[in-house]
């Protein structure tokens, strides 16, 4: 069965979606996997997340995974053999392998909705000064989470995993997904809860009117207003895609 969600197909399959993360620091994921929505999604068998230590796939007795770059230069480079061994040991015909690197395409909500259609995703976390270029021959996609420098790919892999997992049918209710920021290339509308008035600041009357069409119109107008003020590039990007 296929669930249509914002023009992107979210596949509901008998198999649990699997995400394998290759890292040099598996201990960084302990809290991530045992907290909040990710923990519940795993317990409910909506997703299976496996953490692999790249050092376990090193052919060397000292578990070496990096070496100096040919031609000289600062820092160390991740070697081919441990990463080839790691990926080839878990890869299947349904796997989609992603390298996390600053030179990759920028990850966003649209990309998350595309990735949700893969049954098996492998995320390769970088570290040190980068990867041996030959590793790219077994990669399907290079992704970046933004134009800034991080110590490694562990935090980006958590970000991407969290974003993808939220889109798996049944992890979060459909209404919440539809109302979230970036779902329609617009930022979220303002929300209010009790009390009705706080320090002379009142909830907009339309929200307590009970008129659903007016509320819907108000929220959409607020989305447009906020997005034009704070992220006009999102609207321009949407127009360019059309």
C-alpha atoms as a PDB file:
ATOM      1  CA  UNK A   1       0.000   0.000   0.000  1.00  0.00           C
ATOM      2  CA  UNK A   2       1.278   3.505  -0.817  1.00  0.00           C
ATOM      3  CA  UNK A   3       0.448   6.516   1.352  1.00  0.00           C
ATOM      4  CA  UNK A   4       0.547   9.795  -0.578  1.00  0.00           C
ATOM      5  CA  UNK A   5       2.018  12.568   1.551  1.00  0.00           C
ATOM      6  CA  UNK A   6       2.672  16.000   0.084  1.00  0.00           C
ATOM      7  CA  UNK A   7       3.288  14.574  -3.388  1.00  0.00           C
ATOM      8  CA  UNK A   8       5.927  12.173  -2.037  1.00  0.00           C
ATOM      9  CA  UNK A   9       5.247   8.447  -1.796  1.00  0.00           C
ATOM     10  CA  UNK A  10       5.793   7.029   1.679  1.00  0.00           C
ATOM     11  CA  UNK A  11       5.985   3.296   1.276  1.00  0.00           C
ATOM     12  CA  UNK A  12       4.300   1.141   3.907  1.00  0.00           C
ATOM     13  CA  UNK A  13       6.040  -2.209   3.733  1.00  0.00           C
ATOM     14  CA  UNK A  14       5.959  -5.402   5.728  1.00  0.00           C
ATOM     15  CA  UNK A  15       9.644  -5.031   6.431  1.00  0.00           C
ATOM     16  CA  UNK A  16      10.911  -2.569   9.009  1.00  0.00           C
ATOM     17  CA  UNK A  17      12.953   0.259   7.524  1.00  0.00           C
ATOM     18  CA  UNK A  18      16.631  -0.247   8.400  1.00  0.00           C
ATOM     19  CA  UNK A  19      19.248   2.454   8.925  1.00  0.00           C
ATOM     20  CA  UNK A  20      22.859   1.362   9.398  1.00  0.00           C
ATOM     21  CA  UNK A  21      25.319   3.977  10.652  1.00  0.00           C
ATOM     22  CA  UNK A  22      29.068   3.497  10.172  1.00  0.00           C
ATOM     23  CA  UNK A  23      31.095   5.470  12.697  1.00  0.00           C
ATOM     24  CA  UNK A  24      34.353   5.601  14.639  1.00  0.00           C
ATOM     25  CA  UNK A  25      32.505   6.637  17.801  1.00  0.00           C
ATOM     26  CA  UNK A  26      29.521   4.317  18.400  1.00  0.00           C
ATOM     27  CA  UNK A  27      29.175   5.443  22.019  1.00  0.00           C
ATOM     28  CA  UNK A  28      27.926   8.831  20.803  1.00  0.00           C
ATOM     29  CA  UNK A  29      24.631   7.196  19.785  1.00  0.00           C
ATOM     30  CA  UNK A  30      23.691   5.722  23.174  1.00  0.00           C
ATOM     31  CA  UNK A  31      21.486   8.616  24.254  1.00  0.00           C
ATOM     32  CA  UNK A  32      20.137   9.222  20.757  1.00  0.00           C
ATOM     33  CA  UNK A  33      18.784   5.687  20.394  1.00  0.00           C
ATOM     34  CA  UNK A  34      17.279   5.549  23.870  1.00  0.00           C
ATOM     35  CA  UNK A  35      15.340   8.794  24.010  1.00  0.00           C
ATOM     36  CA  UNK A  36      11.987  10.152  22.877  1.00  0.00           C
ATOM     37  CA  UNK A  37      10.555   9.464  19.413  1.00  0.00           C
ATOM     38  CA  UNK A  38      13.535   7.442  18.161  1.00  0.00           C
ATOM     39  CA  UNK A  39      13.309   5.061  21.111  1.00  0.00           C
ATOM     40  CA  UNK A  40       9.554   4.585  20.626  1.00  0.00           C
ATOM     41  CA  UNK A  41       9.929   4.043  16.882  1.00  0.00           C
ATOM     42  CA  UNK A  42      12.488   1.304  17.526  1.00  0.00           C
ATOM     43  CA  UNK A  43      10.367  -0.323  20.224  1.00  0.00           C
ATOM     44  CA  UNK A  44       7.295  -0.205  17.967  1.00  0.00           C
ATOM     45  CA  UNK A  45       9.333  -1.836  15.193  1.00  0.00           C
ATOM     46  CA  UNK A  46       8.815   1.085  12.830  1.00  0.00           C
ATOM     47  CA  UNK A  47      12.562   1.349  12.221  1.00  0.00           C
ATOM     48  CA  UNK A  48      15.676  -0.653  12.952  1.00  0.00           C
ATOM     49  CA  UNK A  49      18.847   1.363  13.594  1.00  0.00           C
ATOM     50  CA  UNK A  50      22.219  -0.392  13.742  1.00  0.00           C
ATOM     51  CA  UNK A  51      25.480   1.255  14.792  1.00  0.00           C
ATOM     52  CA  UNK A  52      28.706  -0.187  13.371  1.00  0.00           C
ATOM     53  CA  UNK A  53      32.225   0.610  14.516  1.00  0.00           C
ATOM     54  CA  UNK A  54      34.359   1.074  11.396  1.00  0.00           C
ATOM     55  CA  UNK A  55      37.407  -0.144  13.337  1.00  0.00           C
ATOM     56  CA  UNK A  56      35.832  -3.602  13.565  1.00  0.00           C
ATOM     57  CA  UNK A  57      36.327  -3.900   9.793  1.00  0.00           C
ATOM     58  CA  UNK A  58      39.991  -2.918   9.737  1.00  0.00           C
ATOM     59  CA  UNK A  59      42.334  -5.636   8.383  1.00  0.00           C
ATOM     60  CA  UNK A  60      45.130  -4.406  10.670  1.00  0.00           C
ATOM     61  CA  UNK A  61      45.884  -5.794  14.130  1.00  0.00           C
ATOM     62  CA  UNK A  62      45.891  -2.310  15.654  1.00  0.00           C
ATOM     63  CA  UNK A  63      42.464  -1.558  14.078  1.00  0.00           C
ATOM     64  CA  UNK A  64      43.937   1.310  12.058  1.00  0.00           C
ATOM     65  CA  UNK A  65      41.427   3.121   9.841  1.00  0.00           C
ATOM     66  CA  UNK A  66      43.328   6.258   8.770  1.00  0.00           C
ATOM     67  CA  UNK A  67      46.660   7.204   7.273  1.00  0.00           C
ATOM     68  CA  UNK A  68      48.645  10.179   5.979  1.00  0.00           C
ATOM     69  CA  UNK A  69      47.583  11.557   2.578  1.00  0.00           C
ATOM     70  CA  UNK A  70      49.725  10.993  -0.492  1.00  0.00           C
ATOM     71  CA  UNK A  71      51.280  14.273  -1.592  1.00  0.00           C
ATOM     72  CA  UNK A  72      51.405  15.607   1.953  1.00  0.00           C
ATOM     73  CA  UNK A  73      49.003  17.820   3.817  1.00  0.00           C
ATOM     74  CA  UNK A  74      47.549  18.315   7.262  1.00  0.00           C
ATOM     75  CA  UNK A  75      45.619  15.629   9.085  1.00  0.00           C
ATOM     76  CA  UNK A  76      44.755  12.018   8.392  1.00  0.00           C
ATOM     77  CA  UNK A  77      42.531  10.432   5.740  1.00  0.00           C
ATOM     78  CA  UNK A  78      40.106   7.535   6.222  1.00  0.00           C
ATOM     79  CA  UNK A  79      41.413   4.505   4.359  1.00  0.00           C
ATOM     80  CA  UNK A  80      39.606   2.512   1.679  1.00  0.00           C
ATOM     81  CA  UNK A  81      39.814  -1.013   3.006  1.00  0.00           C
ATOM     82  CA  UNK A  82      38.024  -0.697   6.383  1.00  0.00           C
ATOM     83  CA  UNK A  83      35.152   1.269   4.843  1.00  0.00           C
ATOM     84  CA  UNK A  84      34.818  -0.989   1.796  1.00  0.00           C
ATOM     85  CA  UNK A  85      34.767  -3.981   4.160  1.00  0.00           C
ATOM     86  CA  UNK A  86      32.124  -2.373   6.383  1.00  0.00           C
ATOM     87  CA  UNK A  87      29.784  -1.353   3.590  1.00  0.00           C
ATOM     88  CA  UNK A  88      30.110  -4.593   1.645  1.00  0.00           C
ATOM     89  CA  UNK A  89      29.386  -6.651   4.776  1.00  0.00           C
ATOM     90  CA  UNK A  90      25.947  -5.063   5.298  1.00  0.00           C
ATOM     91  CA  UNK A  91      24.975  -3.876   1.822  1.00  0.00           C
ATOM     92  CA  UNK A  92      22.141  -5.579  -0.059  1.00  0.00           C
ATOM     93  CA  UNK A  93      20.502  -4.922  -3.419  1.00  0.00           C
ATOM     94  CA  UNK A  94      18.049  -2.595  -1.637  1.00  0.00           C
ATOM     95  CA  UNK A  95      20.709  -0.538   0.167  1.00  0.00           C
ATOM     96  CA  UNK A  96      21.213   3.160  -0.466  1.00  0.00           C
ATOM     97  CA  UNK A  97      24.633   4.326   0.714  1.00  0.00           C
ATOM     98  CA  UNK A  98      25.115   7.931   1.841  1.00  0.00           C
ATOM     99  CA  UNK A  99      28.431   9.608   2.612  1.00  0.00           C
ATOM    100  CA  UNK A 100      28.193  12.548   5.019  1.00  0.00           C
ATOM    101  CA  UNK A 101      30.571  15.202   3.742  1.00  0.00           C
ATOM    102  CA  UNK A 102      30.699  19.021   3.412  1.00  0.00           C
ATOM    103  CA  UNK A 103      30.936  18.670  -0.372  1.00  0.00           C
ATOM    104  CA  UNK A 104      27.600  16.842  -0.629  1.00  0.00           C
ATOM    105  CA  UNK A 105      24.174  18.106  -1.609  1.00  0.00           C
ATOM    106  CA  UNK A 106      22.429  20.014   1.164  1.00  0.00           C
ATOM    107  CA  UNK A 107      20.019  17.916   3.212  1.00  0.00           C
ATOM    108  CA  UNK A 108      16.514  19.341   3.632  1.00  0.00           C
ATOM    109  CA  UNK A 109      12.924  18.207   4.149  1.00  0.00           C
ATOM    110  CA  UNK A 110      12.427  17.464   0.474  1.00  0.00           C
ATOM    111  CA  UNK A 111      15.441  15.159   0.484  1.00  0.00           C
ATOM    112  CA  UNK A 112      14.159  13.455   3.644  1.00  0.00           C
ATOM    113  CA  UNK A 113      10.885  12.656   1.876  1.00  0.00           C
ATOM    114  CA  UNK A 114      12.829  11.122  -0.995  1.00  0.00           C
ATOM    115  CA  UNK A 115      14.984   8.993   1.303  1.00  0.00           C
ATOM    116  CA  UNK A 116      11.977   7.570   3.160  1.00  0.00           C
ATOM    117  CA  UNK A 117      11.232   5.435   0.094  1.00  0.00           C
ATOM    118  CA  UNK A 118      14.403   3.391   0.573  1.00  0.00           C
ATOM    119  CA  UNK A 119      14.073   0.190   2.616  1.00  0.00           C
ATOM    120  CA  UNK A 120      17.703   0.254   3.721  1.00  0.00           C
ATOM    121  CA  UNK A 121      19.908   3.303   4.220  1.00  0.00           C
ATOM    122  CA  UNK A 122      23.583   3.199   5.128  1.00  0.00           C
ATOM    123  CA  UNK A 123      25.043   6.425   6.567  1.00  0.00           C
ATOM    124  CA  UNK A 124      28.825   6.767   6.465  1.00  0.00           C
ATOM    125  CA  UNK A 125      30.206   9.201   9.046  1.00  0.00           C
ATOM    126  CA  UNK A 126      33.398  10.975   8.139  1.00  0.00           C
ATOM    127  CA  UNK A 127      36.154  12.058  10.510  1.00  0.00           C
ATOM    128  CA  UNK A 128      39.661  13.515  10.442  1.00  0.00           C
ATOM    129  CA  UNK A 129      40.434  15.301   7.149  1.00  0.00           C
ATOM    130  CA  UNK A 130      38.112  13.296   4.946  1.00  0.00           C
ATOM    131  CA  UNK A 131      37.849  10.118   2.882  1.00  0.00           C
ATOM    132  CA  UNK A 132      40.115   8.425   0.388  1.00  0.00           C
ATOM    133  CA  UNK A 133      38.561   9.529  -2.906  1.00  0.00           C
ATOM    134  CA  UNK A 134      38.103   5.920  -4.070  1.00  0.00           C
ATOM    135  CA  UNK A 135      35.485   5.319  -1.373  1.00  0.00           C
ATOM    136  CA  UNK A 136      33.085   7.423  -3.451  1.00  0.00           C
ATOM    137  CA  UNK A 137      32.891   4.591  -5.997  1.00  0.00           C
ATOM    138  CA  UNK A 138      30.623   2.623  -3.636  1.00  0.00           C
ATOM    139  CA  UNK A 139      28.511   5.612  -2.552  1.00  0.00           C
ATOM    140  CA  UNK A 140      25.059   6.453  -3.955  1.00  0.00           C
ATOM    141  CA  UNK A 141      24.794   9.970  -2.552  1.00  0.00           C
ATOM    142  CA  UNK A 142      26.920  12.586  -0.777  1.00  0.00           C
ATOM    143  CA  UNK A 143      25.040  14.719   1.749  1.00  0.00           C
ATOM    144  CA  UNK A 144      25.857  17.814   3.786  1.00  0.00           C
ATOM    145  CA  UNK A 145      23.746  19.252   6.604  1.00  0.00           C
ATOM    146  CA  UNK A 146      24.985  22.813   6.085  1.00  0.00           C
ATOM    147  CA  UNK A 147      27.838  25.164   5.329  1.00  0.00           C
ATOM    148  CA  UNK A 148      29.771  24.804   8.565  1.00  0.00           C
ATOM    149  CA  UNK A 149      32.512  22.610  10.021  1.00  0.00           C
ATOM    150  CA  UNK A 150      31.896  19.744  12.457  1.00  0.00           C
ATOM    151  CA  UNK A 151      34.285  17.298  14.072  1.00  0.00           C
ATOM    152  CA  UNK A 152      32.707  14.339  12.326  1.00  0.00           C
ATOM    153  CA  UNK A 153      29.612  12.916  10.686  1.00  0.00           C
ATOM    154  CA  UNK A 154      28.015  11.532  13.851  1.00  0.00           C
ATOM    155  CA  UNK A 155      25.808  14.547  14.634  1.00  0.00           C
ATOM    156  CA  UNK A 156      24.697  14.903  10.967  1.00  0.00           C
ATOM    157  CA  UNK A 157      23.832  11.191  10.893  1.00  0.00           C
ATOM    158  CA  UNK A 158      21.634  11.627  13.971  1.00  0.00           C
ATOM    159  CA  UNK A 159      19.965  14.647  12.401  1.00  0.00           C
ATOM    160  CA  UNK A 160      19.201  12.786   9.176  1.00  0.00           C
ATOM    161  CA  UNK A 161      18.059   9.647  11.000  1.00  0.00           C
ATOM    162  CA  UNK A 162      15.724  11.666  13.225  1.00  0.00           C
ATOM    163  CA  UNK A 163      14.256  13.539  10.258  1.00  0.00           C
ATOM    164  CA  UNK A 164      13.675  10.361   8.250  1.00  0.00           C
ATOM    165  CA  UNK A 165      12.256   8.391  11.168  1.00  0.00           C
ATOM    166  CA  UNK A 166       9.612  11.053  11.848  1.00  0.00           C
ATOM    167  CA  UNK A 167       8.273  10.492   8.326  1.00  0.00           C
ATOM    168  CA  UNK A 168       7.807   6.740   8.686  1.00  0.00           C
ATOM    169  CA  UNK A 169       4.061   6.045   8.753  1.00  0.00           C
ATOM    170  CA  UNK A 170       2.839   5.499  12.296  1.00  0.00           C
ATOM    171  CA  UNK A 171       5.766   7.167  14.076  1.00  0.00           C
ATOM    172  CA  UNK A 172       3.991  10.541  14.267  1.00  0.00           C
ATOM    173  CA  UNK A 173       0.331  11.183  13.470  1.00  0.00           C
ATOM    174  CA  UNK A 174      -0.364  12.559   9.990  1.00  0.00           C
ATOM    175  CA  UNK A 175      -1.877  15.829  11.226  1.00  0.00           C
ATOM    176  CA  UNK A 176       1.314  16.716  13.096  1.00  0.00           C
ATOM    177  CA  UNK A 177       3.388  16.003  10.000  1.00  0.00           C
ATOM    178  CA  UNK A 178       1.179  18.152   7.801  1.00  0.00           C
ATOM    179  CA  UNK A 179       1.364  21.095  10.207  1.00  0.00           C
ATOM    180  CA  UNK A 180       5.139  21.144  10.643  1.00  0.00           C
ATOM    181  CA  UNK A 181       7.498  23.755   9.243  1.00  0.00           C
ATOM    182  CA  UNK A 182       8.931  23.171   5.740  1.00  0.00           C
ATOM    183  CA  UNK A 183       6.190  20.682   4.847  1.00  0.00           C
ATOM    184  CA  UNK A 184       4.894  23.110   2.184  1.00  0.00           C
ATOM    185  CA  UNK A 185       8.091  25.196   1.912  1.00  0.00           C
ATOM    186  CA  UNK A 186       6.702  27.578   4.521  1.00  0.00           C
ATOM    187  CA  UNK A 187       7.652  28.122   8.147  1.00  0.00           C
ATOM    188  CA  UNK A 188       5.131  27.165  10.820  1.00  0.00           C
ATOM    189  CA  UNK A 189       2.314  29.477  11.892  1.00  0.00           C
ATOM    190  CA  UNK A 190       2.284  30.917  15.464  1.00  0.00           C
ATOM    191  CA  UNK A 191       0.687  28.754  18.147  1.00  0.00           C
ATOM    192  CA  UNK A 192      -0.952  29.670  21.458  1.00  0.00           C
ATOM    193  CA  UNK A 193      -2.247  27.846  24.519  1.00  0.00           C
ATOM    194  CA  UNK A 194      -3.804  28.811  27.859  1.00  0.00           C
ATOM    195  CA  UNK A 195      -4.132  31.334  29.388  1.00  0.00           C
ATOM    196  CA  UNK A 196      -6.091  33.370  26.851  1.00  0.00           C
ATOM    197  CA  UNK A 197      -4.409  36.568  28.111  1.00  0.00           C
ATOM    198  CA  UNK A 198      -0.905  36.758  29.588  1.00  0.00           C
ATOM    199  CA  UNK A 199       0.700  40.078  30.562  1.00  0.00           C
ATOM    200  CA  UNK A 200      -1.783  41.925  28.344  1.00  0.00           C
ATOM    201  CA  UNK A 201      -0.944  39.681  25.375  1.00  0.00           C
ATOM    202  CA  UNK A 202      -4.077  38.004  24.021  1.00  0.00           C
ATOM    203  CA  UNK A 203      -4.635  35.013  21.787  1.00  0.00           C
ATOM    204  CA  UNK A 204      -5.881  36.134  18.320  1.00  0.00           C
ATOM    205  CA  UNK A 205      -9.675  36.091  18.322  1.00  0.00           C
ATOM    206  CA  UNK A 206      -9.870  34.005  15.167  1.00  0.00           C
ATOM    207  CA  UNK A 207      -8.318  31.044  17.013  1.00  0.00           C
ATOM    208  CA  UNK A 208     -11.144  30.940  19.545  1.00  0.00           C
ATOM    209  CA  UNK A 209     -13.894  31.640  17.020  1.00  0.00           C
ATOM    210  CA  UNK A 210     -14.541  27.979  16.219  1.00  0.00           C
ATOM    211  CA  UNK A 211     -14.677  28.870  12.502  1.00  0.00           C
ATOM    212  CA  UNK A 212     -12.355  26.277  10.976  1.00  0.00           C
ATOM    213  CA  UNK A 213     -12.097  27.834   7.518  1.00  0.00           C
ATOM    214  CA  UNK A 214     -11.160  31.232   8.979  1.00  0.00           C
ATOM    215  CA  UNK A 215      -8.610  29.599  11.254  1.00  0.00           C
ATOM    216  CA  UNK A 216      -7.109  27.733   8.289  1.00  0.00           C
ATOM    217  CA  UNK A 217      -6.945  30.942   6.258  1.00  0.00           C
ATOM    218  CA  UNK A 218      -5.384  32.890   9.150  1.00  0.00           C
ATOM    219  CA  UNK A 219      -2.711  30.249   9.699  1.00  0.00           C
ATOM    220  CA  UNK A 220      -1.782  30.110   6.019  1.00  0.00           C
ATOM    221  CA  UNK A 221      -1.531  33.912   5.854  1.00  0.00           C
ATOM    222  CA  UNK A 222       0.709  33.874   8.932  1.00  0.00           C
ATOM    223  CA  UNK A 223       2.897  31.197   7.346  1.00  0.00           C
ATOM    224  CA  UNK A 224       3.375  33.338   4.251  1.00  0.00           C
ATOM    225  CA  UNK A 225       4.070  36.441   6.327  1.00  0.00           C
ATOM    226  CA  UNK A 226       6.614  34.756   8.610  1.00  0.00           C
ATOM    227  CA  UNK A 227       8.364  32.982   5.739  1.00  0.00           C
ATOM    228  CA  UNK A 228       8.667  36.204   3.712  1.00  0.00           C
ATOM    229  CA  UNK A 229      10.145  37.951   6.748  1.00  0.00           C
ATOM    230  CA  UNK A 230      12.513  35.241   7.962  1.00  0.00           C
ATOM    231  CA  UNK A 231      13.203  32.872   5.044  1.00  0.00           C
ATOM    232  CA  UNK A 232      12.253  34.497   1.716  1.00  0.00           C
ATOM    233  CA  UNK A 233      14.624  32.063   0.011  1.00  0.00           C
ATOM    234  CA  UNK A 234      12.141  29.260   0.681  1.00  0.00           C
ATOM    235  CA  UNK A 235       9.466  30.994  -1.358  1.00  0.00           C
ATOM    236  CA  UNK A 236      11.908  31.813  -4.142  1.00  0.00           C
ATOM    237  CA  UNK A 237      13.061  28.192  -4.151  1.00  0.00           C
ATOM    238  CA  UNK A 238       9.484  26.965  -4.463  1.00  0.00           C
ATOM    239  CA  UNK A 239       8.826  29.335  -7.372  1.00  0.00           C
ATOM    240  CA  UNK A 240      11.994  28.213  -9.134  1.00  0.00           C
ATOM    241  CA  UNK A 241      10.971  24.548  -8.822  1.00  0.00           C
ATOM    242  CA  UNK A 242       7.615  25.315 -10.412  1.00  0.00           C
END
